[in-house]
Amino acid sequence: MAISNELLELWPELEWIEDEDLRLRTARCWELALERGPLSPDDLRTIPFTLKHETDVTFMEHKRCVVHISRESAKAMIPFMGRSLPIDMDTVIAGAILADVGKLLEYEMKDGQCVQSARGKYLRHPFTGVALCMECGIPDAVSHIVAVHAKEGDMVARSVEGYIVHHADFMSFDPYVKRLKL
């Protein structure tokens, strides 16, 4: 199976995953979410990354930023802490790419606006994301990141890779909510 050009345009960072099987499964998970959800790749390039606060940062800008922050953070940690805290780079990258895949089932478009879907009112994206991951045979270490990247993960222990993606996600979210406005 090859990754479609459309998906590679959306996620060029898939190429960073060295393990071919994990790269293909990660891509398949996104393809499945796009098949099952009401959002298109074009929607993902235009909708806001959060429905909780007004922003002009798009879903894909935020998501790709999280992947880049996660990768660079892991790269910085490995030489200094990798002996005590082994970090699997493919797990970090795949987890960061998949962290919000469940939003494709949590969101929908109504009257030109992105809103929470009926399913999303019952199941937030960490839950639907893990379900998609499990269906695609994503390893548990990566599915764990999807499960714990958001506030729901505050209730359980996180892997090192889970902490990296969680903090990368909130580094690019919290400033919208908690920043000092001068």
N, C-alpha and C. Protein backbone atom coordinates (compact mmCIF):
# COMPACT_ATOMS: atom_id res chain seq x y z
N MET A 1 0.84 -1.18 0.00
CA MET A 1 0.00 0.00 0.00
C MET A 1 0.89 1.25 0.00
N ALA A 2 0.58 2.16 -0.86
CA ALA A 2 1.30 3.43 -0.90
C ALA A 2 0.43 4.51 -0.28
N ILE A 3 1.08 5.52 0.26
CA ILE A 3 0.36 6.65 0.83
C ILE A 3 -0.03 7.58 -0.30
N SER A 4 -1.28 8.00 -0.31
CA SER A 4 -1.77 8.86 -1.39
C SER A 4 -1.07 10.22 -1.35
N ASN A 5 -0.96 10.82 -2.53
CA ASN A 5 -0.37 12.15 -2.62
C ASN A 5 -1.17 13.16 -1.82
N GLU A 6 -2.51 13.00 -1.83
CA GLU A 6 -3.37 13.91 -1.07
C GLU A 6 -3.03 13.86 0.42
N LEU A 7 -2.81 12.67 0.95
CA LEU A 7 -2.48 12.55 2.38
C LEU A 7 -1.07 13.07 2.65
N LEU A 8 -0.14 12.83 1.75
CA LEU A 8 1.22 13.35 1.93
C LEU A 8 1.26 14.87 1.85
N GLU A 9 0.36 15.46 1.06
CA GLU A 9 0.26 16.92 1.03
C GLU A 9 -0.25 17.44 2.37
N LEU A 10 -1.17 16.72 2.96
CA LEU A 10 -1.71 17.09 4.26
C LEU A 10 -0.68 16.84 5.35
N TRP A 11 0.01 15.72 5.27
CA TRP A 11 0.95 15.25 6.30
C TRP A 11 2.31 14.87 5.71
N PRO A 12 3.12 15.84 5.25
CA PRO A 12 4.46 15.47 4.76
C PRO A 12 5.32 14.85 5.87
N GLU A 13 4.97 15.12 7.13
CA GLU A 13 5.72 14.58 8.26
C GLU A 13 5.61 13.06 8.39
N LEU A 14 4.68 12.44 7.67
CA LEU A 14 4.61 10.98 7.66
C LEU A 14 5.95 10.38 7.23
N GLU A 15 6.65 11.07 6.35
CA GLU A 15 7.93 10.57 5.85
C GLU A 15 8.99 10.49 6.95
N TRP A 16 8.79 11.18 8.07
CA TRP A 16 9.74 11.13 9.18
C TRP A 16 9.67 9.81 9.94
N ILE A 17 8.58 9.07 9.80
CA ILE A 17 8.43 7.79 10.49
C ILE A 17 9.28 6.76 9.73
N GLU A 18 10.34 6.29 10.37
CA GLU A 18 11.27 5.37 9.70
C GLU A 18 10.68 3.98 9.50
N ASP A 19 9.93 3.49 10.47
CA ASP A 19 9.34 2.15 10.37
C ASP A 19 8.22 2.19 9.33
N GLU A 20 8.42 1.50 8.21
CA GLU A 20 7.46 1.57 7.11
C GLU A 20 6.07 1.09 7.50
N ASP A 21 6.00 0.01 8.28
CA ASP A 21 4.70 -0.50 8.70
C ASP A 21 3.96 0.54 9.55
N LEU A 22 4.66 1.16 10.49
CA LEU A 22 4.03 2.19 11.32
C LEU A 22 3.63 3.39 10.48
N ARG A 23 4.45 3.78 9.53
CA ARG A 23 4.11 4.90 8.64
C ARG A 23 2.83 4.60 7.87
N LEU A 24 2.73 3.40 7.31
CA LEU A 24 1.55 3.02 6.53
C LEU A 24 0.31 2.91 7.41
N ARG A 25 0.45 2.37 8.60
CA ARG A 25 -0.70 2.26 9.52
C ARG A 25 -1.16 3.64 9.98
N THR A 26 -0.21 4.54 10.21
CA THR A 26 -0.55 5.91 10.61
C THR A 26 -1.31 6.60 9.49
N ALA A 27 -0.83 6.44 8.28
CA ALA A 27 -1.53 7.01 7.12
C ALA A 27 -2.91 6.39 6.96
N ARG A 28 -3.01 5.07 7.12
CA ARG A 28 -4.31 4.40 6.99
C ARG A 28 -5.31 4.91 8.02
N CYS A 29 -4.83 5.20 9.22
CA CYS A 29 -5.71 5.71 10.27
C CYS A 29 -6.31 7.06 9.85
N TRP A 30 -5.49 7.92 9.26
CA TRP A 30 -6.00 9.21 8.77
C TRP A 30 -6.96 9.01 7.61
N GLU A 31 -6.64 8.08 6.71
CA GLU A 31 -7.54 7.81 5.59
C GLU A 31 -8.89 7.31 6.10
N LEU A 32 -8.87 6.42 7.09
CA LEU A 32 -10.11 5.89 7.66
C LEU A 32 -10.93 7.01 8.30
N ALA A 33 -10.26 7.90 9.04
CA ALA A 33 -10.96 9.02 9.67
C ALA A 33 -11.59 9.93 8.61
N LEU A 34 -10.87 10.16 7.52
CA LEU A 34 -11.41 10.99 6.44
C LEU A 34 -12.59 10.31 5.75
N GLU A 35 -12.54 8.98 5.63
CA GLU A 35 -13.65 8.23 5.04
C GLU A 35 -14.88 8.27 5.92
N ARG A 36 -14.69 8.14 7.22
CA ARG A 36 -15.83 8.03 8.15
C ARG A 36 -16.37 9.37 8.63
N GLY A 37 -15.53 10.36 8.67
CA GLY A 37 -15.95 11.66 9.18
C GLY A 37 -16.45 12.57 8.07
N PRO A 38 -17.11 13.65 8.45
CA PRO A 38 -17.67 14.56 7.46
C PRO A 38 -16.69 15.62 6.94
N LEU A 39 -15.48 15.67 7.51
CA LEU A 39 -14.53 16.72 7.12
C LEU A 39 -13.62 16.26 5.99
N SER A 40 -13.29 17.20 5.11
CA SER A 40 -12.39 16.94 3.99
C SER A 40 -11.00 17.50 4.32
N PRO A 41 -9.99 17.10 3.56
CA PRO A 41 -8.67 17.72 3.75
C PRO A 41 -8.72 19.24 3.63
N ASP A 42 -9.53 19.75 2.70
CA ASP A 42 -9.65 21.21 2.57
C ASP A 42 -10.26 21.83 3.82
N ASP A 43 -11.25 21.14 4.42
CA ASP A 43 -11.82 21.63 5.68
C ASP A 43 -10.72 21.74 6.75
N LEU A 44 -9.86 20.72 6.83
CA LEU A 44 -8.82 20.70 7.87
C LEU A 44 -7.82 21.84 7.70
N ARG A 45 -7.68 22.31 6.47
CA ARG A 45 -6.76 23.42 6.21
C ARG A 45 -7.39 24.78 6.53
N THR A 46 -8.70 24.79 6.80
CA THR A 46 -9.37 26.08 7.03
C THR A 46 -10.07 26.19 8.38
N ILE A 47 -10.53 25.07 8.95
CA ILE A 47 -11.25 25.16 10.23
C ILE A 47 -10.29 25.55 11.35
N PRO A 48 -10.80 26.18 12.40
CA PRO A 48 -9.93 26.51 13.54
C PRO A 48 -9.50 25.24 14.27
N PHE A 49 -8.34 25.29 14.90
CA PHE A 49 -7.85 24.09 15.56
C PHE A 49 -8.58 23.78 16.85
N THR A 50 -9.32 24.73 17.38
CA THR A 50 -10.11 24.49 18.59
C THR A 50 -11.46 25.18 18.44
N LEU A 51 -12.47 24.59 19.04
CA LEU A 51 -13.79 25.22 19.07
C LEU A 51 -14.00 25.97 20.38
N LYS A 52 -13.05 25.86 21.31
CA LYS A 52 -13.20 26.46 22.63
C LYS A 52 -12.86 27.95 22.67
N HIS A 53 -11.99 28.38 21.76
CA HIS A 53 -11.53 29.77 21.77
C HIS A 53 -11.41 30.26 20.34
N GLU A 54 -11.67 31.52 20.14
CA GLU A 54 -11.57 32.09 18.80
C GLU A 54 -10.11 32.18 18.39
N THR A 55 -9.81 31.71 17.19
CA THR A 55 -8.45 31.73 16.67
C THR A 55 -8.48 31.69 15.15
N ASP A 56 -7.44 32.21 14.54
CA ASP A 56 -7.31 32.08 13.09
C ASP A 56 -6.28 31.02 12.72
N VAL A 57 -5.76 30.31 13.71
CA VAL A 57 -4.84 29.20 13.45
C VAL A 57 -5.69 27.99 13.04
N THR A 58 -5.34 27.41 11.90
CA THR A 58 -6.14 26.29 11.39
C THR A 58 -5.78 24.98 12.09
N PHE A 59 -6.66 24.03 11.91
CA PHE A 59 -6.45 22.68 12.45
C PHE A 59 -5.09 22.14 12.01
N MET A 60 -4.80 22.18 10.72
CA MET A 60 -3.55 21.61 10.22
C MET A 60 -2.34 22.43 10.65
N GLU A 61 -2.45 23.73 10.75
CA GLU A 61 -1.31 24.51 11.25
C GLU A 61 -0.97 24.09 12.68
N HIS A 62 -1.99 23.96 13.51
CA HIS A 62 -1.77 23.53 14.89
C HIS A 62 -1.20 22.12 14.92
N LYS A 63 -1.82 21.20 14.19
CA LYS A 63 -1.40 19.80 14.23
C LYS A 63 0.03 19.64 13.76
N ARG A 64 0.38 20.28 12.66
CA ARG A 64 1.75 20.15 12.15
C ARG A 64 2.74 20.80 13.11
N CYS A 65 2.35 21.89 13.74
CA CYS A 65 3.20 22.53 14.74
C CYS A 65 3.47 21.57 15.89
N VAL A 66 2.45 20.88 16.35
CA VAL A 66 2.60 19.91 17.45
C VAL A 66 3.59 18.82 17.06
N VAL A 67 3.51 18.34 15.84
CA VAL A 67 4.43 17.29 15.38
C VAL A 67 5.86 17.83 15.38
N HIS A 68 6.05 19.04 14.88
CA HIS A 68 7.39 19.62 14.83
C HIS A 68 7.94 19.87 16.24
N ILE A 69 7.13 20.42 17.13
CA ILE A 69 7.57 20.65 18.51
C ILE A 69 7.91 19.31 19.18
N SER A 70 7.08 18.31 18.98
CA SER A 70 7.31 16.99 19.58
C SER A 70 8.63 16.40 19.11
N ARG A 71 8.85 16.43 17.81
CA ARG A 71 10.09 15.87 17.25
C ARG A 71 11.31 16.62 17.76
N GLU A 72 11.26 17.93 17.73
CA GLU A 72 12.42 18.72 18.17
C GLU A 72 12.67 18.55 19.66
N SER A 73 11.61 18.45 20.44
CA SER A 73 11.76 18.23 21.88
C SER A 73 12.42 16.88 22.15
N ALA A 74 11.95 15.86 21.47
CA ALA A 74 12.54 14.52 21.65
C ALA A 74 14.01 14.53 21.22
N LYS A 75 14.30 15.17 20.10
CA LYS A 75 15.69 15.25 19.63
C LYS A 75 16.58 15.96 20.65
N ALA A 76 16.05 16.99 21.31
CA ALA A 76 16.83 17.72 22.33
C ALA A 76 17.02 16.89 23.59
N MET A 77 16.04 16.07 23.93
CA MET A 77 16.11 15.28 25.16
C MET A 77 17.05 14.08 25.04
N ILE A 78 17.10 13.46 23.88
CA ILE A 78 17.83 12.20 23.72
C ILE A 78 19.30 12.31 24.15
N PRO A 79 20.07 13.32 23.70
CA PRO A 79 21.48 13.33 24.10
C PRO A 79 21.70 13.59 25.59
N PHE A 80 20.78 14.25 26.23
CA PHE A 80 20.96 14.59 27.64
C PHE A 80 20.28 13.61 28.59
N MET A 81 19.15 13.07 28.18
CA MET A 81 18.35 12.25 29.08
C MET A 81 18.02 10.87 28.53
N GLY A 82 18.40 10.62 27.31
CA GLY A 82 18.03 9.38 26.65
C GLY A 82 18.54 8.13 27.33
N ARG A 83 19.65 8.24 28.05
CA ARG A 83 20.19 7.09 28.77
C ARG A 83 19.22 6.65 29.87
N SER A 84 18.62 7.61 30.55
CA SER A 84 17.68 7.31 31.64
C SER A 84 16.23 7.24 31.18
N LEU A 85 15.92 8.01 30.15
CA LEU A 85 14.56 8.05 29.61
C LEU A 85 14.61 7.72 28.12
N PRO A 86 14.67 6.45 27.78
CA PRO A 86 14.71 6.11 26.35
C PRO A 86 13.48 6.66 25.63
N ILE A 87 13.71 7.22 24.45
CA ILE A 87 12.63 7.83 23.66
C ILE A 87 12.64 7.20 22.28
N ASP A 88 11.49 6.70 21.87
CA ASP A 88 11.34 6.14 20.54
C ASP A 88 10.79 7.23 19.62
N MET A 89 11.63 7.69 18.71
CA MET A 89 11.26 8.82 17.85
C MET A 89 10.07 8.49 16.96
N ASP A 90 10.00 7.29 16.40
CA ASP A 90 8.85 6.94 15.57
C ASP A 90 7.55 6.98 16.37
N THR A 91 7.60 6.55 17.63
CA THR A 91 6.42 6.59 18.49
C THR A 91 6.00 8.03 18.74
N VAL A 92 6.96 8.91 18.99
CA VAL A 92 6.66 10.33 19.20
C VAL A 92 6.00 10.92 17.96
N ILE A 93 6.60 10.71 16.80
CA ILE A 93 6.09 11.32 15.56
C ILE A 93 4.71 10.76 15.21
N ALA A 94 4.57 9.44 15.22
CA ALA A 94 3.26 8.84 14.89
C ALA A 94 2.21 9.29 15.90
N GLY A 95 2.56 9.32 17.19
CA GLY A 95 1.61 9.76 18.21
C GLY A 95 1.18 11.20 18.02
N ALA A 96 2.13 12.05 17.67
CA ALA A 96 1.80 13.46 17.44
C ALA A 96 0.92 13.63 16.21
N ILE A 97 1.21 12.87 15.15
CA ILE A 97 0.39 12.94 13.94
C ILE A 97 -1.04 12.44 14.22
N LEU A 98 -1.16 11.43 15.05
CA LEU A 98 -2.48 10.81 15.31
C LEU A 98 -3.24 11.42 16.48
N ALA A 99 -2.61 12.28 17.27
CA ALA A 99 -3.24 12.76 18.51
C ALA A 99 -4.66 13.28 18.31
N ASP A 100 -4.90 14.02 17.26
CA ASP A 100 -6.22 14.61 17.04
C ASP A 100 -7.00 13.97 15.89
N VAL A 101 -6.60 12.78 15.46
CA VAL A 101 -7.32 12.13 14.35
C VAL A 101 -8.79 11.92 14.71
N GLY A 102 -9.10 11.74 15.97
CA GLY A 102 -10.49 11.56 16.40
C GLY A 102 -11.35 12.79 16.22
N LYS A 103 -10.73 13.96 16.06
CA LYS A 103 -11.53 15.17 15.82
C LYS A 103 -12.28 15.10 14.50
N LEU A 104 -11.82 14.26 13.59
CA LEU A 104 -12.53 14.10 12.34
C LEU A 104 -13.88 13.43 12.55
N LEU A 105 -14.07 12.79 13.71
CA LEU A 105 -15.36 12.21 14.08
C LEU A 105 -16.07 13.06 15.13
N GLU A 106 -15.34 13.95 15.76
CA GLU A 106 -15.92 14.81 16.80
C GLU A 106 -16.50 16.10 16.21
N TYR A 107 -16.00 16.51 15.08
CA TYR A 107 -16.42 17.77 14.45
C TYR A 107 -17.26 17.50 13.20
N GLU A 108 -18.03 18.52 12.81
CA GLU A 108 -18.75 18.50 11.54
C GLU A 108 -18.97 19.94 11.10
N MET A 109 -19.36 20.10 9.86
CA MET A 109 -19.66 21.42 9.31
C MET A 109 -21.17 21.62 9.28
N LYS A 110 -21.63 22.77 9.81
CA LYS A 110 -23.04 23.14 9.73
C LYS A 110 -23.11 24.61 9.35
N ASP A 111 -23.80 24.88 8.29
CA ASP A 111 -23.96 26.26 7.81
C ASP A 111 -22.62 26.97 7.68
N GLY A 112 -21.64 26.24 7.15
CA GLY A 112 -20.32 26.82 6.91
C GLY A 112 -19.45 26.97 8.15
N GLN A 113 -19.93 26.50 9.28
CA GLN A 113 -19.17 26.60 10.54
C GLN A 113 -18.80 25.21 11.04
N CYS A 114 -17.64 25.11 11.63
CA CYS A 114 -17.23 23.86 12.25
C CYS A 114 -17.81 23.82 13.67
N VAL A 115 -18.51 22.72 13.98
CA VAL A 115 -19.16 22.57 15.28
C VAL A 115 -18.93 21.15 15.78
N GLN A 116 -19.21 20.94 17.05
CA GLN A 116 -19.10 19.61 17.63
C GLN A 116 -20.26 18.75 17.09
N SER A 117 -19.95 17.55 16.68
CA SER A 117 -20.97 16.64 16.16
C SER A 117 -21.76 16.02 17.31
N ALA A 118 -22.84 15.35 16.98
CA ALA A 118 -23.62 14.64 18.00
C ALA A 118 -22.74 13.59 18.68
N ARG A 119 -21.94 12.86 17.89
CA ARG A 119 -21.02 11.88 18.46
C ARG A 119 -20.01 12.57 19.39
N GLY A 120 -19.53 13.73 18.96
CA GLY A 120 -18.53 14.46 19.74
C GLY A 120 -19.03 14.90 21.11
N LYS A 121 -20.34 15.05 21.24
CA LYS A 121 -20.91 15.42 22.54
C LYS A 121 -20.80 14.28 23.53
N TYR A 122 -20.74 13.05 23.03
CA TYR A 122 -20.62 11.86 23.88
C TYR A 122 -19.17 11.38 24.00
N LEU A 123 -18.44 11.47 22.88
CA LEU A 123 -17.09 10.91 22.82
C LEU A 123 -16.11 11.95 22.29
N ARG A 124 -15.27 12.46 23.18
CA ARG A 124 -14.25 13.40 22.71
C ARG A 124 -13.19 12.67 21.88
N HIS A 125 -12.41 13.44 21.17
CA HIS A 125 -11.48 12.89 20.19
C HIS A 125 -10.43 11.92 20.74
N PRO A 126 -9.99 11.99 22.00
CA PRO A 126 -9.06 10.94 22.44
C PRO A 126 -9.70 9.55 22.37
N PHE A 127 -10.99 9.46 22.65
CA PHE A 127 -11.68 8.17 22.62
C PHE A 127 -11.88 7.67 21.20
N THR A 128 -12.42 8.53 20.34
CA THR A 128 -12.63 8.10 18.96
C THR A 128 -11.28 7.89 18.26
N GLY A 129 -10.28 8.67 18.62
CA GLY A 129 -8.95 8.49 18.05
C GLY A 129 -8.36 7.13 18.39
N VAL A 130 -8.46 6.72 19.64
CA VAL A 130 -7.95 5.40 20.03
C VAL A 130 -8.72 4.30 19.30
N ALA A 131 -10.02 4.45 19.15
CA ALA A 131 -10.79 3.44 18.43
C ALA A 131 -10.29 3.30 16.99
N LEU A 132 -10.04 4.42 16.32
CA LEU A 132 -9.51 4.38 14.96
C LEU A 132 -8.13 3.73 14.95
N CYS A 133 -7.28 4.10 15.91
CA CYS A 133 -5.93 3.53 15.99
C CYS A 133 -5.98 2.02 16.16
N MET A 134 -6.82 1.56 17.05
CA MET A 134 -6.90 0.11 17.30
C MET A 134 -7.39 -0.62 16.06
N GLU A 135 -8.34 -0.04 15.36
CA GLU A 135 -8.85 -0.66 14.14
C GLU A 135 -7.77 -0.78 13.08
N CYS A 136 -6.83 0.16 13.07
CA CYS A 136 -5.77 0.17 12.06
C CYS A 136 -4.51 -0.57 12.52
N GLY A 137 -4.57 -1.17 13.69
CA GLY A 137 -3.41 -1.92 14.17
C GLY A 137 -2.25 -1.06 14.63
N ILE A 138 -2.56 0.16 15.06
CA ILE A 138 -1.53 1.05 15.59
C ILE A 138 -1.02 0.44 16.90
N PRO A 139 0.30 0.41 17.11
CA PRO A 139 0.83 -0.15 18.36
C PRO A 139 0.28 0.57 19.59
N ASP A 140 0.16 -0.19 20.68
CA ASP A 140 -0.38 0.37 21.91
C ASP A 140 0.40 1.58 22.40
N ALA A 141 1.72 1.60 22.21
CA ALA A 141 2.53 2.73 22.67
C ALA A 141 2.13 4.02 21.96
N VAL A 142 1.72 3.92 20.71
CA VAL A 142 1.26 5.10 19.95
C VAL A 142 -0.18 5.43 20.32
N SER A 143 -1.04 4.41 20.41
CA SER A 143 -2.43 4.64 20.81
C SER A 143 -2.50 5.30 22.19
N HIS A 144 -1.58 4.91 23.06
CA HIS A 144 -1.49 5.52 24.40
C HIS A 144 -1.34 7.04 24.29
N ILE A 145 -0.52 7.51 23.36
CA ILE A 145 -0.31 8.95 23.19
C ILE A 145 -1.61 9.63 22.79
N VAL A 146 -2.36 9.01 21.89
CA VAL A 146 -3.66 9.55 21.48
C VAL A 146 -4.58 9.63 22.70
N ALA A 147 -4.56 8.60 23.51
CA ALA A 147 -5.43 8.54 24.69
C ALA A 147 -5.08 9.60 25.73
N VAL A 148 -3.79 9.90 25.90
CA VAL A 148 -3.37 10.74 27.03
C VAL A 148 -2.92 12.14 26.64
N HIS A 149 -3.01 12.51 25.37
CA HIS A 149 -2.47 13.82 24.98
C HIS A 149 -3.31 14.99 25.51
N ALA A 150 -4.58 14.79 25.76
CA ALA A 150 -5.47 15.86 26.22
C ALA A 150 -5.70 15.74 27.72
N LYS A 151 -6.61 16.54 28.23
CA LYS A 151 -6.88 16.58 29.68
C LYS A 151 -7.29 15.22 30.24
N GLU A 152 -7.94 14.39 29.42
CA GLU A 152 -8.31 13.05 29.89
C GLU A 152 -7.10 12.28 30.39
N GLY A 153 -5.94 12.55 29.82
CA GLY A 153 -4.72 11.85 30.20
C GLY A 153 -4.17 12.25 31.55
N ASP A 154 -4.70 13.33 32.14
CA ASP A 154 -4.22 13.75 33.45
C ASP A 154 -4.59 12.74 34.54
N MET A 155 -5.46 11.81 34.23
CA MET A 155 -5.93 10.84 35.21
C MET A 155 -5.10 9.56 35.24
N VAL A 156 -4.16 9.42 34.31
CA VAL A 156 -3.36 8.19 34.21
C VAL A 156 -1.88 8.52 34.04
N ALA A 157 -1.04 7.51 34.21
CA ALA A 157 0.40 7.68 33.97
C ALA A 157 0.63 7.81 32.47
N ARG A 158 1.55 8.69 32.09
CA ARG A 158 1.92 8.87 30.68
C ARG A 158 3.31 8.29 30.44
N SER A 159 3.50 7.76 29.25
CA SER A 159 4.84 7.35 28.81
C SER A 159 5.67 8.61 28.57
N VAL A 160 6.97 8.45 28.41
CA VAL A 160 7.83 9.59 28.09
C VAL A 160 7.35 10.23 26.79
N GLU A 161 7.08 9.41 25.79
CA GLU A 161 6.59 9.93 24.51
C GLU A 161 5.24 10.62 24.68
N GLY A 162 4.41 10.09 25.57
CA GLY A 162 3.11 10.71 25.85
C GLY A 162 3.27 12.08 26.46
N TYR A 163 4.23 12.23 27.39
CA TYR A 163 4.50 13.55 27.97
C TYR A 163 4.98 14.54 26.91
N ILE A 164 5.84 14.09 26.04
CA ILE A 164 6.38 14.99 25.01
C ILE A 164 5.25 15.53 24.14
N VAL A 165 4.38 14.65 23.64
CA VAL A 165 3.29 15.09 22.76
C VAL A 165 2.28 15.92 23.53
N HIS A 166 1.96 15.52 24.75
CA HIS A 166 1.02 16.29 25.57
C HIS A 166 1.50 17.73 25.75
N HIS A 167 2.76 17.89 26.12
CA HIS A 167 3.27 19.24 26.35
C HIS A 167 3.42 20.03 25.05
N ALA A 168 3.78 19.36 23.97
CA ALA A 168 3.84 20.05 22.67
C ALA A 168 2.45 20.56 22.29
N ASP A 169 1.43 19.75 22.54
CA ASP A 169 0.06 20.13 22.22
C ASP A 169 -0.35 21.35 23.05
N PHE A 170 -0.08 21.32 24.34
CA PHE A 170 -0.50 22.43 25.19
C PHE A 170 0.39 23.66 25.04
N MET A 171 1.64 23.47 24.60
CA MET A 171 2.48 24.64 24.29
C MET A 171 1.86 25.48 23.18
N SER A 172 1.16 24.80 22.28
CA SER A 172 0.56 25.52 21.16
C SER A 172 -0.94 25.74 21.34
N PHE A 173 -1.45 25.47 22.54
CA PHE A 173 -2.86 25.73 22.87
C PHE A 173 -2.97 26.73 24.02
N ASP A 174 -2.28 26.47 25.12
CA ASP A 174 -2.41 27.31 26.32
C ASP A 174 -2.16 28.80 26.08
N PRO A 175 -1.23 29.19 25.23
CA PRO A 175 -1.04 30.64 25.03
C PRO A 175 -2.29 31.37 24.53
N TYR A 176 -3.21 30.63 23.90
CA TYR A 176 -4.46 31.26 23.49
C TYR A 176 -5.38 31.50 24.67
N VAL A 177 -5.19 30.73 25.72
CA VAL A 177 -6.10 30.75 26.85
C VAL A 177 -5.50 31.50 28.06
N LYS A 178 -4.23 31.27 28.32
CA LYS A 178 -3.62 31.71 29.56
C LYS A 178 -2.54 32.77 29.39
N ARG A 179 -2.38 33.33 28.22
CA ARG A 179 -1.27 34.27 28.01
C ARG A 179 -1.54 35.61 28.68
N LEU A 180 -0.48 36.25 29.07
CA LEU A 180 -0.54 37.59 29.61
C LEU A 180 -0.79 38.55 28.46
N LYS A 181 -1.85 39.27 28.55
CA LYS A 181 -2.19 40.22 27.48
C LYS A 181 -1.78 41.61 27.92
N LEU A 182 -0.77 42.14 27.30
CA LEU A 182 -0.24 43.46 27.66
C LEU A 182 -0.85 44.56 26.80
